[in-house]
Amino acid sequence: MARSSASREASQSAGVTASGAISGETLSTRALNRATLARQHLLERAEHDAERMVARLVGLQSQLPSPPYIGVWTRSTDFKLDELTRLLFDRVIVRSTMMRYTQHLIGAQDYLWLRPTLQPMLDRAQQSFFGRHTKDMDIAELANYGRDLIRGRQLTLVELRKLLAERWPDRNPTALGYSVQYMVPMVHVPPCGTWGKGGAVTLTLAEDWLGRPLGEPDQAQMVRRYLAAFGPASVKDVQAWSALRGLAGAVEQLRPRLAVFRDERGEELFDLPDAPRPDPQTPAPPRFLPDYDNLIVAHADRSRVITEEQRKVVSSGVGGKTRTRPGQHGAVAATLLVDGVVRATWKVERAKKDATLVVEPFSPLSKAEQAEVAQEGERLLAFAAGDAVGHGVEFI
């Protein structure tokens, strides 16, 4: 099958040439901020459709169904809810375990090469999280048995675990189920993962769902695509985003075709020579990012968008009315960018027929900032709570 236009465009935007490489220039934290925001379409919304946006961002984290929709909306000029849902049903986009062993929405064409590239990380995660439950087992046998169980059909997680328990009754069925998910490329069958839909997770083999086999790993392609979406960045940044180890060699092979910079601490940064690096004084309008947005977690050094103190609160889900996420291990709260950096967390609260956007700043916003945020907040409510009779924005 030919590559989709979105995948081709993303690959072309990640293409590099030997000309124009820069060596040794120091980029300020604000310069890094504006460079990353530009390629994230957070300085200026894009007219991309949802397929192209997902490809541009190399996927959207999808631990919960709604955040990817808000992630596309906040970066797009005219995004409609049903657009992303349709792409999932049409198998143009899939939901699967990907970067950092978390659920992502990813373009089907990108899934074919990126999932094999990430497989060593997923195998390591299986051992780290469930190795004690699969000790002395033949891991390859477990993976193959799980693959055969689900081949040609769809199973819920509960059904998969039950069947695995019948084969290994003395083992923890939950550990066996998750182990198979990590080791065998599977996707979630919609409506799982679509806006407003809960219920049981239904799995099927990726190759069955997409009608074609997976390809070969391609670390170089992954690095280029990451830089196109999140650069300039260090080797440690790429590793933090992907959770893959040992990427220094892949970056080193690309060095002759990359622009090379340093940050204010002297860390070596890499970028595509033709990637946007706007003037650091470029205005950055308020933008609402959803829970789990990759921008907040895509770098080892996240200072370009969030302080370490804020990161601890946002990532732990503790403290404050909007920041508390009881029972959500590894949660990343929804955040508000003002002048390009995190200034608040937010959530939408529903009461009867009304919806209120509750914004909790880390530090006071000026009256002008509040006015801009409130205006953007009304747009968010119109999108995310369009069925509500009354809308309001509250700062606490």
Protein backbone atom coordinates (compact mmCIF):
# COMPACT_ATOMS: atom_id res chain seq x y z
CA MET A 1 0.00 0.00 0.00
CA ALA A 2 1.28 3.48 -0.84
CA ARG A 3 2.09 5.77 2.01
CA SER A 4 -0.64 8.22 2.98
CA SER A 5 -0.18 11.89 2.09
CA ALA A 6 0.07 12.75 5.79
CA SER A 7 2.89 10.27 6.36
CA ARG A 8 4.73 11.44 3.23
CA GLU A 9 4.42 15.07 4.29
CA ALA A 10 5.69 14.34 7.80
CA SER A 11 8.63 12.40 6.36
CA GLN A 12 9.43 15.23 3.96
CA SER A 13 9.30 17.78 6.76
CA ALA A 14 11.79 15.59 8.61
CA GLY A 15 14.13 15.38 5.62
CA VAL A 16 17.59 16.82 6.15
CA THR A 17 20.40 18.07 3.97
CA ALA A 18 24.07 18.63 4.63
CA SER A 19 23.77 22.31 3.78
CA GLY A 20 22.92 24.89 6.40
CA ALA A 21 24.26 22.96 9.40
CA ILE A 22 25.10 25.23 12.33
CA SER A 23 27.77 24.29 14.81
CA GLY A 24 28.08 25.48 18.37
CA GLU A 25 25.52 28.32 18.48
CA THR A 26 23.91 28.68 21.89
CA LEU A 27 20.12 28.74 21.98
CA SER A 28 18.42 30.38 24.94
CA THR A 29 15.63 28.61 26.77
CA ARG A 30 13.15 31.05 25.25
CA ALA A 31 14.54 30.34 21.76
CA LEU A 32 14.05 26.61 22.36
CA ASN A 33 10.54 27.32 23.58
CA ARG A 34 9.55 29.21 20.46
CA ALA A 35 11.20 26.68 18.15
CA THR A 36 9.30 23.79 19.70
CA LEU A 37 6.00 25.69 19.87
CA ALA A 38 6.31 26.59 16.19
CA ARG A 39 6.55 22.98 15.06
CA GLN A 40 3.83 21.98 17.55
CA HIS A 41 1.49 24.54 15.93
CA LEU A 42 1.08 26.30 19.27
CA LEU A 43 2.26 29.69 18.02
CA GLU A 44 -0.08 29.68 15.05
CA ARG A 45 -2.83 27.16 14.45
CA ALA A 46 -2.50 24.98 11.37
CA GLU A 47 -5.07 24.26 8.71
CA HIS A 48 -4.00 20.61 8.74
CA ASP A 49 -6.67 17.97 8.88
CA ALA A 50 -6.49 15.54 11.80
CA GLU A 51 -4.57 12.88 9.86
CA ARG A 52 -1.79 15.30 8.96
CA MET A 53 -1.70 16.72 12.49
CA VAL A 54 -1.27 13.30 14.10
CA ALA A 55 1.53 12.52 11.65
CA ARG A 56 3.18 15.88 12.31
CA LEU A 57 3.16 15.28 16.07
CA VAL A 58 4.30 11.62 15.74
CA GLY A 59 1.20 10.55 17.61
CA LEU A 60 -0.82 11.78 20.57
CA GLN A 61 -0.78 10.17 23.98
CA SER A 62 -4.13 8.52 24.60
CA GLN A 63 -4.29 7.15 28.12
CA LEU A 64 -7.81 8.58 28.16
CA PRO A 65 -10.07 8.96 25.09
CA SER A 66 -10.65 12.74 25.10
CA PRO A 67 -7.13 14.28 25.41
CA PRO A 68 -6.05 13.53 21.80
CA TYR A 69 -9.14 15.32 20.50
CA ILE A 70 -8.33 18.42 22.54
CA GLY A 71 -4.68 18.12 21.51
CA VAL A 72 -5.64 18.31 17.83
CA TRP A 73 -8.23 21.04 18.46
CA THR A 74 -5.81 23.37 20.27
CA ARG A 75 -3.40 23.18 17.33
CA SER A 76 -5.91 23.38 14.46
CA THR A 77 -8.09 26.03 12.90
CA ASP A 78 -11.18 23.98 12.06
CA PHE A 79 -11.17 20.58 13.77
CA LYS A 80 -14.43 18.70 14.32
CA LEU A 81 -14.90 15.96 16.92
CA ASP A 82 -16.05 13.29 14.50
CA GLU A 83 -12.99 13.74 12.28
CA LEU A 84 -10.62 11.84 14.57
CA THR A 85 -13.24 9.21 15.38
CA ARG A 86 -13.80 8.55 11.69
CA LEU A 87 -10.06 8.09 11.11
CA LEU A 88 -9.96 5.45 13.85
CA PHE A 89 -12.90 3.53 12.38
CA ASP A 90 -11.38 3.86 8.89
CA ARG A 91 -8.09 2.38 10.22
CA VAL A 92 -6.12 5.43 9.09
CA ILE A 93 -5.14 6.03 12.73
CA VAL A 94 -4.77 3.34 15.40
CA ARG A 95 -4.57 3.24 19.18
CA SER A 96 -1.81 1.08 20.60
CA THR A 97 0.96 0.80 23.18
CA MET A 98 3.79 2.97 21.90
CA MET A 99 6.27 5.53 23.30
CA ARG A 100 7.01 5.22 27.02
CA TYR A 101 4.85 2.04 27.01
CA THR A 102 1.72 4.22 27.04
CA GLN A 103 -1.31 4.31 24.78
CA HIS A 104 -1.04 6.59 21.74
CA LEU A 105 -3.02 7.45 18.68
CA ILE A 106 -0.65 7.08 15.75
CA GLY A 107 -1.01 7.11 11.98
CA ALA A 108 -1.34 3.57 10.63
CA GLN A 109 1.49 4.08 8.16
CA ASP A 110 3.80 5.32 10.91
CA TYR A 111 2.77 2.47 13.20
CA LEU A 112 4.18 -0.05 10.72
CA TRP A 113 7.78 1.10 11.26
CA LEU A 114 7.62 2.87 14.62
CA ARG A 115 6.19 -0.03 16.66
CA PRO A 116 9.07 -2.36 15.60
CA THR A 117 11.53 0.43 16.41
CA LEU A 118 10.09 0.70 19.92
CA GLN A 119 9.86 -3.06 20.54
CA PRO A 120 13.13 -3.36 22.54
CA MET A 121 11.77 -0.78 24.99
CA LEU A 122 8.48 -2.66 25.29
CA ASP A 123 10.28 -5.96 25.88
CA ARG A 124 12.30 -4.27 28.61
CA ALA A 125 9.12 -2.84 30.14
CA GLN A 126 7.58 -6.31 30.25
CA GLN A 127 10.55 -7.58 32.23
CA SER A 128 10.63 -4.54 34.49
CA PHE A 129 6.93 -4.58 35.38
CA PHE A 130 6.00 -8.25 35.09
CA GLY A 131 9.26 -10.17 35.04
CA ARG A 132 8.72 -11.58 38.51
CA HIS A 133 5.38 -13.00 37.39
CA THR A 134 6.86 -14.58 34.24
CA LYS A 135 10.08 -15.81 35.85
CA ASP A 136 11.24 -19.15 34.42
CA MET A 137 8.63 -18.93 31.66
CA ASP A 138 9.53 -19.18 27.99
CA ILE A 139 8.71 -15.57 27.06
CA ALA A 140 8.73 -16.31 23.34
CA GLU A 141 6.19 -19.10 23.92
CA LEU A 142 3.97 -16.69 25.86
CA ALA A 143 4.13 -14.11 23.07
CA ASN A 144 3.44 -16.68 20.35
CA TYR A 145 0.58 -18.26 22.30
CA GLY A 146 -0.99 -14.84 22.88
CA ARG A 147 -0.58 -13.99 19.20
CA ASP A 148 -2.26 -17.24 18.17
CA LEU A 149 -5.13 -16.66 20.62
CA ILE A 150 -6.04 -13.33 19.08
CA ARG A 151 -5.16 -14.02 15.45
CA GLY A 152 -8.15 -13.48 13.19
CA ARG A 153 -10.46 -12.28 15.97
CA GLN A 154 -11.04 -9.60 18.59
CA LEU A 155 -10.78 -10.19 22.32
CA THR A 156 -11.37 -8.00 25.33
CA LEU A 157 -8.60 -7.77 27.89
CA VAL A 158 -10.67 -9.86 30.26
CA GLU A 159 -11.16 -12.56 27.63
CA LEU A 160 -7.47 -12.60 26.76
CA ARG A 161 -6.46 -12.94 30.39
CA LYS A 162 -8.96 -15.76 30.94
CA LEU A 163 -7.59 -17.73 27.99
CA LEU A 164 -4.00 -17.20 29.12
CA ALA A 165 -4.95 -18.33 32.63
CA GLU A 166 -6.33 -21.58 31.23
CA ARG A 167 -2.90 -22.28 29.72
CA TRP A 168 -0.93 -21.09 32.77
CA PRO A 169 -3.29 -21.45 35.76
CA ASP A 170 -0.52 -20.90 38.32
CA ARG A 171 0.44 -17.49 36.90
CA ASN A 172 -1.01 -14.02 37.46
CA PRO A 173 -3.47 -13.53 34.55
CA THR A 174 -3.21 -9.74 34.65
CA ALA A 175 0.58 -9.93 34.31
CA LEU A 176 0.24 -12.41 31.45
CA GLY A 177 -2.25 -10.17 29.64
CA TYR A 178 -0.13 -7.06 29.91
CA SER A 179 2.98 -9.03 28.94
CA VAL A 180 1.34 -10.13 25.71
CA GLN A 181 0.24 -6.54 25.02
CA TYR A 182 3.82 -5.35 25.34
CA MET A 183 5.35 -8.13 23.28
CA VAL A 184 2.77 -8.53 20.51
CA PRO A 185 1.75 -5.58 18.29
CA MET A 186 -1.97 -5.15 18.91
CA VAL A 187 -4.39 -2.26 18.48
CA HIS A 188 -7.52 -1.20 20.34
CA VAL A 189 -10.64 -1.68 18.26
CA PRO A 190 -12.92 1.39 18.13
CA PRO A 191 -15.12 2.67 19.64
CA CYS A 192 -12.54 2.07 22.38
CA GLY A 193 -10.44 5.22 22.64
CA THR A 194 -12.94 7.52 20.94
CA TRP A 195 -14.54 10.63 22.42
CA GLY A 196 -17.12 9.89 25.08
CA LYS A 197 -16.82 6.12 24.81
CA GLY A 198 -15.81 3.97 27.77
CA GLY A 199 -16.22 0.28 28.36
CA ALA A 200 -14.01 -2.72 27.84
CA VAL A 201 -10.82 -2.53 25.80
CA THR A 202 -11.05 -4.78 22.74
CA LEU A 203 -7.82 -5.94 21.12
CA THR A 204 -6.86 -7.37 17.77
CA LEU A 205 -3.57 -8.03 15.98
CA ALA A 206 -2.22 -4.91 14.28
CA GLU A 207 -1.41 -6.84 11.11
CA ASP A 208 -4.96 -8.19 10.94
CA TRP A 209 -6.53 -4.76 11.54
CA LEU A 210 -4.29 -3.02 9.00
CA GLY A 211 -4.19 -5.85 6.48
CA ARG A 212 -0.42 -5.80 6.10
CA PRO A 213 2.66 -6.87 8.05
CA LEU A 214 4.79 -4.57 10.14
CA GLY A 215 8.03 -3.26 8.67
CA GLU A 216 11.59 -2.97 9.88
CA PRO A 217 12.87 -0.83 12.78
CA ASP A 218 14.17 2.58 11.75
CA GLN A 219 15.84 4.55 14.53
CA ALA A 220 17.14 7.21 12.13
CA GLN A 221 13.63 7.92 10.86
CA MET A 222 12.37 8.08 14.43
CA VAL A 223 15.03 10.62 15.41
CA ARG A 224 14.30 12.81 12.39
CA ARG A 225 10.55 12.73 13.02
CA TYR A 226 11.06 13.52 16.71
CA LEU A 227 13.24 16.53 15.89
CA ALA A 228 10.67 17.76 13.37
CA ALA A 229 8.03 17.74 16.12
CA PHE A 230 9.98 18.55 19.31
CA GLY A 231 13.47 19.83 18.41
CA PRO A 232 16.01 21.20 18.87
CA ALA A 233 16.82 18.42 21.32
CA SER A 234 19.54 16.33 22.92
CA VAL A 235 20.06 12.59 22.73
CA LYS A 236 18.66 12.39 26.26
CA ASP A 237 15.52 14.21 25.09
CA VAL A 238 14.87 11.69 22.30
CA GLN A 239 15.37 8.87 24.78
CA ALA A 240 13.01 10.46 27.30
CA TRP A 241 10.26 10.80 24.68
CA SER A 242 10.62 7.28 23.32
CA ALA A 243 11.94 5.47 26.44
CA LEU A 244 14.42 3.78 24.11
CA ARG A 245 18.00 3.52 25.31
CA GLY A 246 21.26 3.79 23.43
CA LEU A 247 20.21 6.29 20.76
CA ALA A 248 23.54 8.14 20.75
CA GLY A 249 24.75 5.97 17.86
CA ALA A 250 21.69 6.71 15.71
CA VAL A 251 22.06 10.46 16.34
CA GLU A 252 25.79 10.31 15.66
CA GLN A 253 25.19 8.73 12.26
CA LEU A 254 22.86 11.61 11.42
CA ARG A 255 25.22 14.32 12.71
CA PRO A 256 26.62 15.33 9.26
CA ARG A 257 23.07 16.15 8.16
CA LEU A 258 21.90 17.88 11.33
CA ALA A 259 22.22 21.37 12.72
CA VAL A 260 24.12 21.30 16.01
CA PHE A 261 23.56 23.79 18.85
CA ARG A 262 24.07 24.06 22.58
CA ASP A 263 21.67 25.13 25.29
CA GLU A 264 22.48 27.59 28.06
CA ARG A 265 23.97 24.80 30.15
CA GLY A 266 26.25 23.63 27.36
CA GLU A 267 24.24 20.51 26.44
CA GLU A 268 24.61 19.55 22.78
CA LEU A 269 21.38 19.85 20.83
CA PHE A 270 20.48 18.55 17.37
CA ASP A 271 17.95 19.75 14.86
CA LEU A 272 16.90 19.56 11.24
CA PRO A 273 18.65 22.37 9.35
CA ASP A 274 15.44 23.62 7.73
CA ALA A 275 13.19 23.30 10.80
CA PRO A 276 11.53 26.49 12.09
CA ARG A 277 13.45 28.42 14.75
CA PRO A 278 11.54 31.70 15.05
CA ASP A 279 12.65 34.87 16.80
CA PRO A 280 12.50 34.28 20.58
CA GLN A 281 10.31 37.38 20.90
CA THR A 282 7.59 35.90 18.68
CA PRO A 283 4.27 36.25 20.52
CA ALA A 284 2.77 33.04 21.92
CA PRO A 285 -1.01 33.16 22.50
CA PRO A 286 -2.67 31.24 25.36
CA ARG A 287 -3.17 27.56 24.58
CA PHE A 288 -4.96 24.85 26.55
CA LEU A 289 -3.14 21.51 26.50
CA PRO A 290 -5.00 18.34 27.46
CA ASP A 291 -4.06 15.75 30.06
CA TYR A 292 -1.02 13.72 28.98
CA ASP A 293 -0.01 16.10 26.19
CA ASN A 294 3.34 14.96 24.81
CA LEU A 295 4.75 18.49 24.85
CA ILE A 296 4.92 18.30 28.65
CA VAL A 297 6.80 14.97 28.74
CA ALA A 298 8.78 14.90 25.48
CA HIS A 299 12.14 16.14 26.82
CA ALA A 300 14.55 15.07 29.53
CA ASP A 301 15.08 18.78 30.19
CA ARG A 302 11.58 20.25 30.15
CA SER A 303 12.57 23.75 31.20
CA ARG A 304 11.63 25.14 27.79
CA VAL A 305 7.95 24.78 28.73
CA ILE A 306 7.65 23.97 32.45
CA THR A 307 9.64 24.48 35.64
CA GLU A 308 10.79 21.53 37.70
CA GLU A 309 8.52 22.55 40.57
CA GLN A 310 5.50 22.72 38.26
CA ARG A 311 6.45 19.43 36.63
CA LYS A 312 6.37 17.62 39.97
CA VAL A 313 2.85 18.89 40.62
CA VAL A 314 1.51 18.38 37.09
CA SER A 315 2.97 14.88 36.76
CA SER A 316 2.02 13.64 40.22
CA GLY A 317 -1.54 14.94 40.19
CA VAL A 318 -1.40 16.39 43.70
CA GLY A 319 -2.36 19.74 45.17
CA GLY A 320 -5.19 22.02 44.21
CA LYS A 321 -8.70 21.68 42.88
CA THR A 322 -7.82 21.08 39.21
CA ARG A 323 -4.54 19.30 39.77
CA THR A 324 -5.81 16.40 41.85
CA ARG A 325 -6.22 13.16 39.89
CA PRO A 326 -7.02 10.50 42.50
CA GLY A 327 -5.96 6.99 41.58
CA GLN A 328 -4.30 7.93 38.30
CA HIS A 329 -0.77 6.60 38.52
CA GLY A 330 1.51 8.47 36.14
CA ALA A 331 -1.13 11.09 35.39
CA VAL A 332 -0.16 14.32 33.63
CA ALA A 333 -2.64 17.09 34.34
CA ALA A 334 -4.11 19.38 31.70
CA THR A 335 -2.09 22.59 31.48
CA LEU A 336 -2.45 26.15 30.22
CA LEU A 337 0.35 27.86 28.31
CA VAL A 338 0.63 31.63 28.68
CA ASP A 339 3.44 33.29 26.72
CA GLY A 340 4.48 29.79 25.72
CA VAL A 341 5.09 28.31 29.17
CA VAL A 342 2.97 26.48 31.72
CA ARG A 343 1.15 28.92 33.99
CA ALA A 344 -1.86 26.93 35.20
CA THR A 345 -3.76 23.67 35.23
CA TRP A 346 -7.38 23.37 34.19
CA LYS A 347 -10.41 21.11 34.01
CA VAL A 348 -14.00 21.31 32.83
CA GLU A 349 -16.59 20.82 35.57
CA ARG A 350 -20.17 19.90 34.71
CA ALA A 351 -23.15 20.82 36.88
CA LYS A 352 -26.59 19.97 35.57
CA LYS A 353 -26.74 21.62 32.12
CA ASP A 354 -23.80 23.98 32.62
CA ALA A 355 -20.05 23.62 32.04
CA THR A 356 -17.37 25.65 33.81
CA LEU A 357 -13.74 25.81 32.81
CA VAL A 358 -11.82 26.01 36.09
CA VAL A 359 -8.32 27.48 35.73
CA GLU A 360 -5.87 27.23 38.63
CA PRO A 361 -2.75 29.35 38.03
CA PHE A 362 0.60 28.57 39.59
CA SER A 363 1.13 32.32 39.90
CA PRO A 364 -1.28 35.25 39.44
CA LEU A 365 -2.26 36.17 35.89
CA SER A 366 -2.53 39.83 34.94
CA LYS A 367 -5.91 41.23 33.95
CA ALA A 368 -4.83 41.28 30.32
CA GLU A 369 -3.69 37.66 30.54
CA GLN A 370 -6.94 36.63 32.21
CA ALA A 371 -8.93 38.28 29.45
CA GLU A 372 -6.98 36.43 26.74
CA VAL A 373 -7.24 33.14 28.61
CA ALA A 374 -10.99 33.60 29.16
CA GLN A 375 -11.50 34.22 25.44
CA GLU A 376 -9.55 31.08 24.54
CA GLY A 377 -11.39 29.23 27.29
CA GLU A 378 -14.75 30.03 25.74
CA ARG A 379 -13.49 28.48 22.51
CA LEU A 380 -12.45 25.37 24.42
CA LEU A 381 -15.85 25.08 26.09
CA ALA A 382 -17.62 25.45 22.76
CA PHE A 383 -15.59 22.48 21.52
CA ALA A 384 -15.38 20.21 24.56
CA ALA A 385 -18.74 21.02 26.15
CA GLY A 386 -20.81 22.15 23.22
CA ASP A 387 -23.86 20.34 24.59
CA ALA A 388 -23.91 22.49 27.75
CA VAL A 389 -26.53 25.22 28.01
CA GLY A 390 -24.32 27.60 29.99
CA HIS A 391 -20.57 28.19 29.81
CA GLY A 392 -18.24 29.99 32.18
CA VAL A 393 -14.55 30.45 32.93
CA GLU A 394 -13.47 30.56 36.56
CA PHE A 395 -10.01 31.44 37.94
CA ILE A 396 -9.25 30.03 41.40
